[in-house]
Full PDB file with SEQRES, HELIX, SHEET, SSBOND, CRYST1, ORIGX, SCALE, CONECT and MASTER records, all heavy atoms in Angstrom:
SEQRES   1 A   41  LEU GLY VAL VAL VAL GLY SER GLU GLY MET LEU GLY VAL          
SEQRES   2 A   41  VAL THR GLU VAL THR VAL ARG ILE LEU PRO THR PRO PRO          
SEQRES   3 A   41  GLY ALA ARG ALA LEU MET ILE GLY PHE PRO SER VAL GLU          
SEQRES   4 A   41  GLY ALA                                                      
CRYST1    1.000    1.000    1.000  90.00  90.00  90.00 P 1           1          
ORIGX1      1.000000  0.000000  0.000000        0.00000                         
ORIGX2      0.000000  1.000000  0.000000        0.00000                         
ORIGX3      0.000000  0.000000  1.000000        0.00000                         
SCALE1      1.000000  0.000000  0.000000        0.00000                         
SCALE2      0.000000  1.000000  0.000000        0.00000                         
SCALE3      0.000000  0.000000  1.000000        0.00000                         
ATOM      1  N   LEU A   1       0.846  -1.147  -0.013  1.00  0.00           N  
ATOM      2  CA  LEU A   1       0.106  -0.066   0.027  1.00  0.00           C  
ATOM      3  C   LEU A   1       0.770   1.174  -0.066  1.00  0.00           C  
ATOM      4  O   LEU A   1       0.601   2.175  -0.723  1.00  0.00           O  
ATOM      5  CB  LEU A   1      -0.892  -0.033   1.225  1.00  0.00           C  
ATOM      6  CG  LEU A   1      -1.868   1.111   1.354  1.00  0.00           C  
ATOM      7  CD1 LEU A   1      -2.831   1.224   0.250  1.00  0.00           C  
ATOM      8  CD2 LEU A   1      -2.678   1.083   2.688  1.00  0.00           C  
ATOM      9  N   GLY A   2       1.884   1.239   0.813  1.00  0.00           N  
ATOM     10  CA  GLY A   2       2.843   2.412   0.875  1.00  0.00           C  
ATOM     11  C   GLY A   2       3.604   2.518  -0.513  1.00  0.00           C  
ATOM     12  O   GLY A   2       4.056   3.627  -0.763  1.00  0.00           O  
ATOM     13  N   VAL A   3       3.730   1.506  -1.112  1.00  0.00           N  
ATOM     14  CA  VAL A   3       4.406   1.528  -2.552  1.00  0.00           C  
ATOM     15  C   VAL A   3       3.510   2.156  -3.471  1.00  0.00           C  
ATOM     16  O   VAL A   3       3.930   2.945  -4.299  1.00  0.00           O  
ATOM     17  CB  VAL A   3       4.895   0.127  -2.929  1.00  0.00           C  
ATOM     18  CG1 VAL A   3       5.292   0.184  -4.525  1.00  0.00           C  
ATOM     19  CG2 VAL A   3       5.972  -0.450  -2.061  1.00  0.00           C  
ATOM     20  N   VAL A   4       2.298   1.710  -3.551  1.00  0.00           N  
ATOM     21  CA  VAL A   4       1.256   2.414  -4.547  1.00  0.00           C  
ATOM     22  C   VAL A   4       1.047   3.773  -4.269  1.00  0.00           C  
ATOM     23  O   VAL A   4       0.898   4.506  -5.303  1.00  0.00           O  
ATOM     24  CB  VAL A   4       0.118   1.438  -4.510  1.00  0.00           C  
ATOM     25  CG1 VAL A   4      -1.050   2.068  -5.439  1.00  0.00           C  
ATOM     26  CG2 VAL A   4       0.475   0.059  -5.022  1.00  0.00           C  
ATOM     27  N   VAL A   5       0.794   4.156  -3.044  1.00  0.00           N  
ATOM     28  CA  VAL A   5       0.472   5.679  -2.822  1.00  0.00           C  
ATOM     29  C   VAL A   5       1.697   6.517  -3.218  1.00  0.00           C  
ATOM     30  O   VAL A   5       2.780   6.279  -2.671  1.00  0.00           O  
ATOM     31  CB  VAL A   5       0.017   5.825  -1.316  1.00  0.00           C  
ATOM     32  CG1 VAL A   5      -0.188   7.473  -1.152  1.00  0.00           C  
ATOM     33  CG2 VAL A   5      -1.188   5.080  -0.944  1.00  0.00           C  
ATOM     34  N   GLY A   6       1.489   7.328  -4.157  1.00  0.00           N  
ATOM     35  CA  GLY A   6       2.604   8.167  -4.684  1.00  0.00           C  
ATOM     36  C   GLY A   6       3.266   7.561  -5.886  1.00  0.00           C  
ATOM     37  O   GLY A   6       4.359   8.027  -6.274  1.00  0.00           O  
ATOM     38  N   SER A   7       2.755   6.523  -6.458  1.00  0.00           N  
ATOM     39  CA  SER A   7       3.381   5.875  -7.532  1.00  0.00           C  
ATOM     40  C   SER A   7       3.067   6.472  -8.917  1.00  0.00           C  
ATOM     41  O   SER A   7       3.501   5.908  -9.913  1.00  0.00           O  
ATOM     42  CB  SER A   7       3.090   4.321  -7.623  1.00  0.00           C  
ATOM     43  OG  SER A   7       1.747   4.095  -7.737  1.00  0.00           O  
ATOM     44  N   GLU A   8       2.278   7.492  -8.966  1.00  0.00           N  
ATOM     45  CA  GLU A   8       2.001   8.362 -10.084  1.00  0.00           C  
ATOM     46  C   GLU A   8       1.483   7.610 -11.275  1.00  0.00           C  
ATOM     47  O   GLU A   8       1.799   7.724 -12.482  1.00  0.00           O  
ATOM     48  CB  GLU A   8       3.310   8.994 -10.500  1.00  0.00           C  
ATOM     49  CG  GLU A   8       3.793   9.904  -9.452  1.00  0.00           C  
ATOM     50  CD  GLU A   8       4.801  10.875  -9.894  1.00  0.00           C  
ATOM     51  OE1 GLU A   8       4.778  11.408 -10.979  1.00  0.00           O  
ATOM     52  OE2 GLU A   8       5.777  11.340  -9.132  1.00  0.00           O  
ATOM     53  N   GLY A   9       0.613   6.523 -11.104  1.00  0.00           N  
ATOM     54  CA  GLY A   9      -0.050   5.809 -12.098  1.00  0.00           C  
ATOM     55  C   GLY A   9       0.691   4.903 -12.879  1.00  0.00           C  
ATOM     56  O   GLY A   9       0.295   4.539 -13.984  1.00  0.00           O  
ATOM     57  N   MET A  10       1.790   4.523 -12.258  1.00  0.00           N  
ATOM     58  CA  MET A  10       2.833   3.697 -13.074  1.00  0.00           C  
ATOM     59  C   MET A  10       2.782   2.234 -12.657  1.00  0.00           C  
ATOM     60  O   MET A  10       3.471   1.445 -13.269  1.00  0.00           O  
ATOM     61  CB  MET A  10       4.197   4.268 -12.807  1.00  0.00           C  
ATOM     62  CG  MET A  10       4.364   5.688 -13.355  1.00  0.00           C  
ATOM     63  SD  MET A  10       6.081   6.295 -13.177  1.00  0.00           S  
ATOM     64  CE  MET A  10       6.886   5.347 -14.276  1.00  0.00           C  
ATOM     65  N   LEU A  11       2.019   1.936 -11.580  1.00  0.00           N  
ATOM     66  CA  LEU A  11       1.942   0.538 -11.216  1.00  0.00           C  
ATOM     67  C   LEU A  11       0.640  -0.146 -11.428  1.00  0.00           C  
ATOM     68  O   LEU A  11       0.568  -1.372 -11.427  1.00  0.00           O  
ATOM     69  CB  LEU A  11       2.376   0.460  -9.627  1.00  0.00           C  
ATOM     70  CG  LEU A  11       3.633   1.052  -9.273  1.00  0.00           C  
ATOM     71  CD1 LEU A  11       4.040   0.794  -7.821  1.00  0.00           C  
ATOM     72  CD2 LEU A  11       4.815   0.466 -10.106  1.00  0.00           C  
ATOM     73  N   GLY A  12      -0.396   0.592 -11.472  1.00  0.00           N  
ATOM     74  CA  GLY A  12      -1.782   0.041 -11.622  1.00  0.00           C  
ATOM     75  C   GLY A  12      -2.882   1.190 -11.681  1.00  0.00           C  
ATOM     76  O   GLY A  12      -2.477   2.262 -11.517  1.00  0.00           O  
ATOM     77  N   VAL A  13      -4.029   0.796 -11.858  1.00  0.00           N  
ATOM     78  CA  VAL A  13      -5.149   1.724 -11.916  1.00  0.00           C  
ATOM     79  C   VAL A  13      -5.967   1.622 -10.700  1.00  0.00           C  
ATOM     80  O   VAL A  13      -6.630   0.488 -10.605  1.00  0.00           O  
ATOM     81  CB  VAL A  13      -5.972   1.717 -13.290  1.00  0.00           C  
ATOM     82  CG1 VAL A  13      -7.089   2.692 -13.226  1.00  0.00           C  
ATOM     83  CG2 VAL A  13      -5.074   1.903 -14.449  1.00  0.00           C  
ATOM     84  N   VAL A  14      -6.066   2.620  -9.863  1.00  0.00           N  
ATOM     85  CA  VAL A  14      -6.842   2.467  -8.588  1.00  0.00           C  
ATOM     86  C   VAL A  14      -8.375   2.691  -8.884  1.00  0.00           C  
ATOM     87  O   VAL A  14      -8.699   3.602  -9.615  1.00  0.00           O  
ATOM     88  CB  VAL A  14      -6.439   3.538  -7.550  1.00  0.00           C  
ATOM     89  CG1 VAL A  14      -7.309   3.553  -6.327  1.00  0.00           C  
ATOM     90  CG2 VAL A  14      -4.910   3.265  -7.150  1.00  0.00           C  
ATOM     91  N   THR A  15      -9.123   1.729  -8.467  1.00  0.00           N  
ATOM     92  CA  THR A  15     -10.623   1.709  -8.615  1.00  0.00           C  
ATOM     93  C   THR A  15     -11.495   1.954  -7.395  1.00  0.00           C  
ATOM     94  O   THR A  15     -12.671   2.296  -7.370  1.00  0.00           O  
ATOM     95  CB  THR A  15     -11.140   0.458  -9.367  1.00  0.00           C  
ATOM     96  OG1 THR A  15     -10.588  -0.549  -8.628  1.00  0.00           O  
ATOM     97  CG2 THR A  15     -10.621   0.517 -10.734  1.00  0.00           C  
ATOM     98  N   GLU A  16     -10.767   1.895  -6.192  1.00  0.00           N  
ATOM     99  CA  GLU A  16     -11.484   2.115  -4.955  1.00  0.00           C  
ATOM    100  C   GLU A  16     -10.541   2.482  -3.769  1.00  0.00           C  
ATOM    101  O   GLU A  16      -9.353   1.942  -3.810  1.00  0.00           O  
ATOM    102  CB  GLU A  16     -12.121   0.807  -4.578  1.00  0.00           C  
ATOM    103  CG  GLU A  16     -13.095   0.917  -3.336  1.00  0.00           C  
ATOM    104  CD  GLU A  16     -13.672  -0.446  -2.917  1.00  0.00           C  
ATOM    105  OE1 GLU A  16     -14.551  -0.863  -3.850  1.00  0.00           O  
ATOM    106  OE2 GLU A  16     -13.275  -1.080  -2.011  1.00  0.00           O  
ATOM    107  N   VAL A  17     -10.866   3.405  -2.996  1.00  0.00           N  
ATOM    108  CA  VAL A  17      -9.882   3.904  -1.981  1.00  0.00           C  
ATOM    109  C   VAL A  17     -10.671   3.849  -0.568  1.00  0.00           C  
ATOM    110  O   VAL A  17     -11.786   4.321  -0.460  1.00  0.00           O  
ATOM    111  CB  VAL A  17      -9.432   5.299  -2.231  1.00  0.00           C  
ATOM    112  CG1 VAL A  17      -8.337   5.720  -1.159  1.00  0.00           C  
ATOM    113  CG2 VAL A  17      -8.836   5.254  -3.555  1.00  0.00           C  
ATOM    114  N   THR A  18     -10.019   3.356   0.386  1.00  0.00           N  
ATOM    115  CA  THR A  18     -10.539   3.344   1.870  1.00  0.00           C  
ATOM    116  C   THR A  18      -9.574   4.418   2.608  1.00  0.00           C  
ATOM    117  O   THR A  18      -8.453   4.301   2.652  1.00  0.00           O  
ATOM    118  CB  THR A  18     -10.495   2.081   2.494  1.00  0.00           C  
ATOM    119  OG1 THR A  18     -11.206   1.134   1.806  1.00  0.00           O  
ATOM    120  CG2 THR A  18     -10.958   2.142   3.885  1.00  0.00           C  
ATOM    121  N   VAL A  19     -10.301   5.471   3.154  1.00  0.00           N  
ATOM    122  CA  VAL A  19      -9.569   6.532   3.751  1.00  0.00           C  
ATOM    123  C   VAL A  19     -10.076   6.624   5.286  1.00  0.00           C  
ATOM    124  O   VAL A  19     -11.055   6.324   5.696  1.00  0.00           O  
ATOM    125  CB  VAL A  19      -9.804   7.929   3.129  1.00  0.00           C  
ATOM    126  CG1 VAL A  19      -9.335   7.902   1.722  1.00  0.00           C  
ATOM    127  CG2 VAL A  19     -11.273   8.282   3.101  1.00  0.00           C  
ATOM    128  N   ARG A  20      -9.037   7.200   6.052  1.00  0.00           N  
ATOM    129  CA  ARG A  20      -9.337   7.427   7.518  1.00  0.00           C  
ATOM    130  C   ARG A  20     -10.140   8.712   7.576  1.00  0.00           C  
ATOM    131  O   ARG A  20      -9.857   9.724   6.775  1.00  0.00           O  
ATOM    132  CB  ARG A  20      -8.046   7.653   8.252  1.00  0.00           C  
ATOM    133  CG  ARG A  20      -7.113   6.523   8.293  1.00  0.00           C  
ATOM    134  CD  ARG A  20      -5.746   6.925   8.959  1.00  0.00           C  
ATOM    135  NE  ARG A  20      -5.946   7.430  10.257  1.00  0.00           N  
ATOM    136  CZ  ARG A  20      -5.116   8.218  10.964  1.00  0.00           C  
ATOM    137  NH1 ARG A  20      -4.028   8.781  10.216  1.00  0.00           N  
ATOM    138  NH2 ARG A  20      -5.417   8.714  12.100  1.00  0.00           N  
ATOM    139  N   ILE A  21     -11.130   8.770   8.392  1.00  0.00           N  
ATOM    140  CA  ILE A  21     -11.822  10.105   8.694  1.00  0.00           C  
ATOM    141  C   ILE A  21     -11.620  10.373  10.180  1.00  0.00           C  
ATOM    142  O   ILE A  21     -11.715   9.455  11.026  1.00  0.00           O  
ATOM    143  CB  ILE A  21     -13.248  10.084   8.336  1.00  0.00           C  
ATOM    144  CG1 ILE A  21     -13.912   8.694   8.751  1.00  0.00           C  
ATOM    145  CG2 ILE A  21     -13.419  10.180   6.826  1.00  0.00           C  
ATOM    146  CD1 ILE A  21     -15.463   8.604   8.390  1.00  0.00           C  
ATOM    147  N   LEU A  22     -11.379  11.528  10.435  1.00  0.00           N  
ATOM    148  CA  LEU A  22     -10.913  11.974  11.810  1.00  0.00           C  
ATOM    149  C   LEU A  22     -11.948  12.837  12.510  1.00  0.00           C  
ATOM    150  O   LEU A  22     -12.810  13.489  11.889  1.00  0.00           O  
ATOM    151  CB  LEU A  22      -9.618  12.800  11.738  1.00  0.00           C  
ATOM    152  CG  LEU A  22      -8.440  12.205  11.117  1.00  0.00           C  
ATOM    153  CD1 LEU A  22      -7.271  13.032  11.068  1.00  0.00           C  
ATOM    154  CD2 LEU A  22      -8.120  10.875  11.888  1.00  0.00           C  
ATOM    155  N   PRO A  23     -11.923  12.876  13.808  1.00  0.00           N  
ATOM    156  CA  PRO A  23     -12.992  13.715  14.538  1.00  0.00           C  
ATOM    157  C   PRO A  23     -12.550  15.154  14.237  1.00  0.00           C  
ATOM    158  O   PRO A  23     -11.386  15.535  14.256  1.00  0.00           O  
ATOM    159  CB  PRO A  23     -12.769  13.459  16.017  1.00  0.00           C  
ATOM    160  CG  PRO A  23     -12.071  12.077  16.000  1.00  0.00           C  
ATOM    161  CD  PRO A  23     -11.376  11.940  14.695  1.00  0.00           C  
ATOM    162  N   THR A  24     -13.531  16.133  13.927  1.00  0.00           N  
ATOM    163  CA  THR A  24     -13.084  17.537  13.831  1.00  0.00           C  
ATOM    164  C   THR A  24     -12.610  18.074  15.180  1.00  0.00           C  
ATOM    165  O   THR A  24     -13.327  17.754  16.229  1.00  0.00           O  
ATOM    166  CB  THR A  24     -14.405  18.201  13.375  1.00  0.00           C  
ATOM    167  OG1 THR A  24     -14.984  17.593  12.177  1.00  0.00           O  
ATOM    168  CG2 THR A  24     -14.104  19.739  13.112  1.00  0.00           C  
ATOM    169  N   PRO A  25     -11.586  18.700  15.165  1.00  0.00           N  
ATOM    170  CA  PRO A  25     -11.114  19.241  16.518  1.00  0.00           C  
ATOM    171  C   PRO A  25     -12.189  20.140  17.117  1.00  0.00           C  
ATOM    172  O   PRO A  25     -12.871  20.824  16.422  1.00  0.00           O  
ATOM    173  CB  PRO A  25      -9.888  20.112  16.046  1.00  0.00           C  
ATOM    174  CG  PRO A  25      -9.437  19.541  14.782  1.00  0.00           C  
ATOM    175  CD  PRO A  25     -10.726  19.048  14.169  1.00  0.00           C  
ATOM    176  N   PRO A  26     -12.233  20.055  18.478  1.00  0.00           N  
ATOM    177  CA  PRO A  26     -13.273  20.872  19.138  1.00  0.00           C  
ATOM    178  C   PRO A  26     -13.171  22.427  18.940  1.00  0.00           C  
ATOM    179  O   PRO A  26     -14.217  23.148  19.127  1.00  0.00           O  
ATOM    180  CB  PRO A  26     -13.072  20.398  20.662  1.00  0.00           C  
ATOM    181  CG  PRO A  26     -11.636  19.843  20.830  1.00  0.00           C  
ATOM    182  CD  PRO A  26     -11.447  19.319  19.409  1.00  0.00           C  
ATOM    183  N   GLY A  27     -11.997  22.775  18.688  1.00  0.00           N  
ATOM    184  CA  GLY A  27     -11.749  24.288  18.483  1.00  0.00           C  
ATOM    185  C   GLY A  27     -10.434  24.417  17.700  1.00  0.00           C  
ATOM    186  O   GLY A  27      -9.700  23.709  17.682  1.00  0.00           O  
ATOM    187  N   ALA A  28     -10.565  25.598  16.999  1.00  0.00           N  
ATOM    188  CA  ALA A  28      -9.338  25.891  16.218  1.00  0.00           C  
ATOM    189  C   ALA A  28      -9.235  27.516  16.010  1.00  0.00           C  
ATOM    190  O   ALA A  28     -10.311  28.085  15.873  1.00  0.00           O  
ATOM    191  CB  ALA A  28      -9.338  25.374  14.790  1.00  0.00           C  
ATOM    192  N   ARG A  29      -8.196  28.101  16.205  1.00  0.00           N  
ATOM    193  CA  ARG A  29      -7.921  29.467  15.913  1.00  0.00           C  
ATOM    194  C   ARG A  29      -6.653  29.737  15.167  1.00  0.00           C  
ATOM    195  O   ARG A  29      -5.749  28.815  15.084  1.00  0.00           O  
ATOM    196  CB  ARG A  29      -7.708  30.310  17.197  1.00  0.00           C  
ATOM    197  CG  ARG A  29      -9.108  30.298  18.068  1.00  0.00           C  
ATOM    198  CD  ARG A  29      -8.895  30.871  19.377  1.00  0.00           C  
ATOM    199  NE  ARG A  29      -8.557  32.291  19.285  1.00  0.00           N  
ATOM    200  CZ  ARG A  29      -8.090  33.078  20.303  1.00  0.00           C  
ATOM    201  NH1 ARG A  29      -7.883  32.498  21.527  1.00  0.00           N  
ATOM    202  NH2 ARG A  29      -7.927  34.389  20.152  1.00  0.00           N  
ATOM    203  N   ALA A  30      -6.502  30.741  14.344  1.00  0.00           N  
ATOM    204  CA  ALA A  30      -5.426  31.016  13.541  1.00  0.00           C  
ATOM    205  C   ALA A  30      -4.822  32.307  13.912  1.00  0.00           C  
ATOM    206  O   ALA A  30      -5.452  33.328  14.247  1.00  0.00           O  
ATOM    207  CB  ALA A  30      -5.929  31.107  11.994  1.00  0.00           C  
ATOM    208  N   LEU A  31      -3.455  32.332  13.831  1.00  0.00           N  
ATOM    209  CA  LEU A  31      -2.683  33.571  14.015  1.00  0.00           C  
ATOM    210  C   LEU A  31      -2.245  34.045  12.678  1.00  0.00           C  
ATOM    211  O   LEU A  31      -1.663  33.294  11.939  1.00  0.00           O  
ATOM    212  CB  LEU A  31      -1.600  33.263  14.904  1.00  0.00           C  
ATOM    213  CG  LEU A  31      -1.725  33.095  16.497  1.00  0.00           C  
ATOM    214  CD1 LEU A  31      -0.527  32.507  17.093  1.00  0.00           C  
ATOM    215  CD2 LEU A  31      -2.010  34.530  17.028  1.00  0.00           C  
ATOM    216  N   MET A  32      -2.305  35.365  12.500  1.00  0.00           N  
ATOM    217  CA  MET A  32      -1.756  35.920  11.225  1.00  0.00           C  
ATOM    218  C   MET A  32      -0.615  36.923  11.617  1.00  0.00           C  
ATOM    219  O   MET A  32      -0.826  37.859  12.416  1.00  0.00           O  
ATOM    220  CB  MET A  32      -2.925  36.815  10.737  1.00  0.00           C  
ATOM    221  CG  MET A  32      -2.597  37.333   9.246  1.00  0.00           C  
ATOM    222  SD  MET A  32      -3.959  37.934   8.389  1.00  0.00           S  
ATOM    223  CE  MET A  32      -4.634  39.304   9.458  1.00  0.00           C  
ATOM    224  N   ILE A  33       0.547  36.470  11.288  1.00  0.00           N  
ATOM    225  CA  ILE A  33       1.826  37.066  11.815  1.00  0.00           C  
ATOM    226  C   ILE A  33       2.624  37.685  10.713  1.00  0.00           C  
ATOM    227  O   ILE A  33       2.973  37.024   9.736  1.00  0.00           O  
ATOM    228  CB  ILE A  33       2.627  36.064  12.619  1.00  0.00           C  
ATOM    229  CG1 ILE A  33       1.865  35.314  13.635  1.00  0.00           C  
ATOM    230  CG2 ILE A  33       3.778  36.818  13.314  1.00  0.00           C  
ATOM    231  CD1 ILE A  33       2.576  34.167  14.183  1.00  0.00           C  
ATOM    232  N   GLY A  34       2.852  39.076  10.720  1.00  0.00           N  
ATOM    233  CA  GLY A  34       3.706  39.645   9.763  1.00  0.00           C  
ATOM    234  C   GLY A  34       5.080  39.919  10.170  1.00  0.00           C  
ATOM    235  O   GLY A  34       5.395  40.093  11.291  1.00  0.00           O  
ATOM    236  N   PHE A  35       6.083  39.744   9.213  1.00  0.00           N  
ATOM    237  CA  PHE A  35       7.468  39.851   9.404  1.00  0.00           C  
ATOM    238  C   PHE A  35       8.229  40.809   8.494  1.00  0.00           C  
ATOM    239  O   PHE A  35       7.648  40.889   7.387  1.00  0.00           O  
ATOM    240  CB  PHE A  35       8.166  38.487   9.285  1.00  0.00           C  
ATOM    241  CG  PHE A  35       7.855  37.442  10.433  1.00  0.00           C  
ATOM    242  CD1 PHE A  35       6.766  36.752  10.325  1.00  0.00           C  
ATOM    243  CD2 PHE A  35       8.570  37.479  11.509  1.00  0.00           C  
ATOM    244  CE1 PHE A  35       6.371  35.776  11.320  1.00  0.00           C  
ATOM    245  CE2 PHE A  35       8.254  36.534  12.614  1.00  0.00           C  
ATOM    246  CZ  PHE A  35       7.218  35.706  12.425  1.00  0.00           C  
ATOM    247  N   PRO A  36       9.148  41.502   9.045  1.00  0.00           N  
ATOM    248  CA  PRO A  36       9.923  42.475   7.987  1.00  0.00           C  
ATOM    249  C   PRO A  36      10.727  41.746   7.018  1.00  0.00           C  
ATOM    250  O   PRO A  36      11.387  42.451   6.183  1.00  0.00           O  
ATOM    251  CB  PRO A  36      10.742  43.198   8.970  1.00  0.00           C  
ATOM    252  CG  PRO A  36      10.964  42.332  10.206  1.00  0.00           C  
ATOM    253  CD  PRO A  36       9.748  41.504  10.196  1.00  0.00           C  
ATOM    254  N   SER A  37      10.893  40.374   7.116  1.00  0.00           N  
ATOM    255  CA  SER A  37      11.780  39.666   6.193  1.00  0.00           C  
ATOM    256  C   SER A  37      11.300  38.296   6.084  1.00  0.00           C  
ATOM    257  O   SER A  37      10.616  37.665   7.059  1.00  0.00           O  
ATOM    258  CB  SER A  37      13.181  39.638   6.615  1.00  0.00           C  
ATOM    259  OG  SER A  37      13.420  38.870   7.818  1.00  0.00           O  
ATOM    260  N   VAL A  38      11.471  37.607   4.906  1.00  0.00           N  
ATOM    261  CA  VAL A  38      10.999  36.167   4.751  1.00  0.00           C  
ATOM    262  C   VAL A  38      11.997  35.303   5.596  1.00  0.00           C  
ATOM    263  O   VAL A  38      11.467  34.308   6.050  1.00  0.00           O  
ATOM    264  CB  VAL A  38      11.044  35.801   3.292  1.00  0.00           C  
ATOM    265  CG1 VAL A  38       9.991  36.428   2.493  1.00  0.00           C  
ATOM    266  CG2 VAL A  38      12.391  36.107   2.640  1.00  0.00           C  
ATOM    267  N   GLU A  39      13.110  35.752   5.830  1.00  0.00           N  
ATOM    268  CA  GLU A  39      14.093  34.913   6.605  1.00  0.00           C  
ATOM    269  C   GLU A  39      13.583  34.824   8.127  1.00  0.00           C  
ATOM    270  O   GLU A  39      13.625  33.836   8.760  1.00  0.00           O  
ATOM    271  CB  GLU A  39      15.476  35.541   6.537  1.00  0.00           C  
ATOM    272  CG  GLU A  39      16.166  35.468   5.254  1.00  0.00           C  
ATOM    273  CD  GLU A  39      15.741  36.606   4.349  1.00  0.00           C  
ATOM    274  OE1 GLU A  39      15.197  37.707   4.855  1.00  0.00           O  
ATOM    275  OE2 GLU A  39      15.976  36.568   3.054  1.00  0.00           O  
ATOM    276  N   GLY A  40      13.081  36.009   8.574  1.00  0.00           N  
ATOM    277  CA  GLY A  40      12.505  35.950   9.920  1.00  0.00           C  
ATOM    278  C   GLY A  40      11.298  35.123  10.069  1.00  0.00           C  
ATOM    279  O   GLY A  40      11.115  34.343  11.041  1.00  0.00           O  
ATOM    280  N   ALA A  41      10.458  35.023   9.075  1.00  0.00           N  
ATOM    281  CA  ALA A  41       9.357  34.137   9.059  1.00  0.00           C  
ATOM    282  C   ALA A  41       9.741  32.700   9.028  1.00  0.00           C  
ATOM    283  O   ALA A  41       9.181  31.814   9.760  1.00  0.00           O  
ATOM    284  CB  ALA A  41       8.330  34.481   7.865  1.00  0.00           C  
TER     285      ALA A  41                                                      
MASTER        0    0    0    0    0    0    0    6  284    1    0    4          
END                                                                             
């Protein structure tokens, strides 16, 4: 499975995928931070 994911369609044709679904975090906040240089960021 680890070989096939990321194999860019060169090993086979995927016809079905089983994915993990996760609990939505109870809360989330974002910080918007400005810097005087890209190096500082």
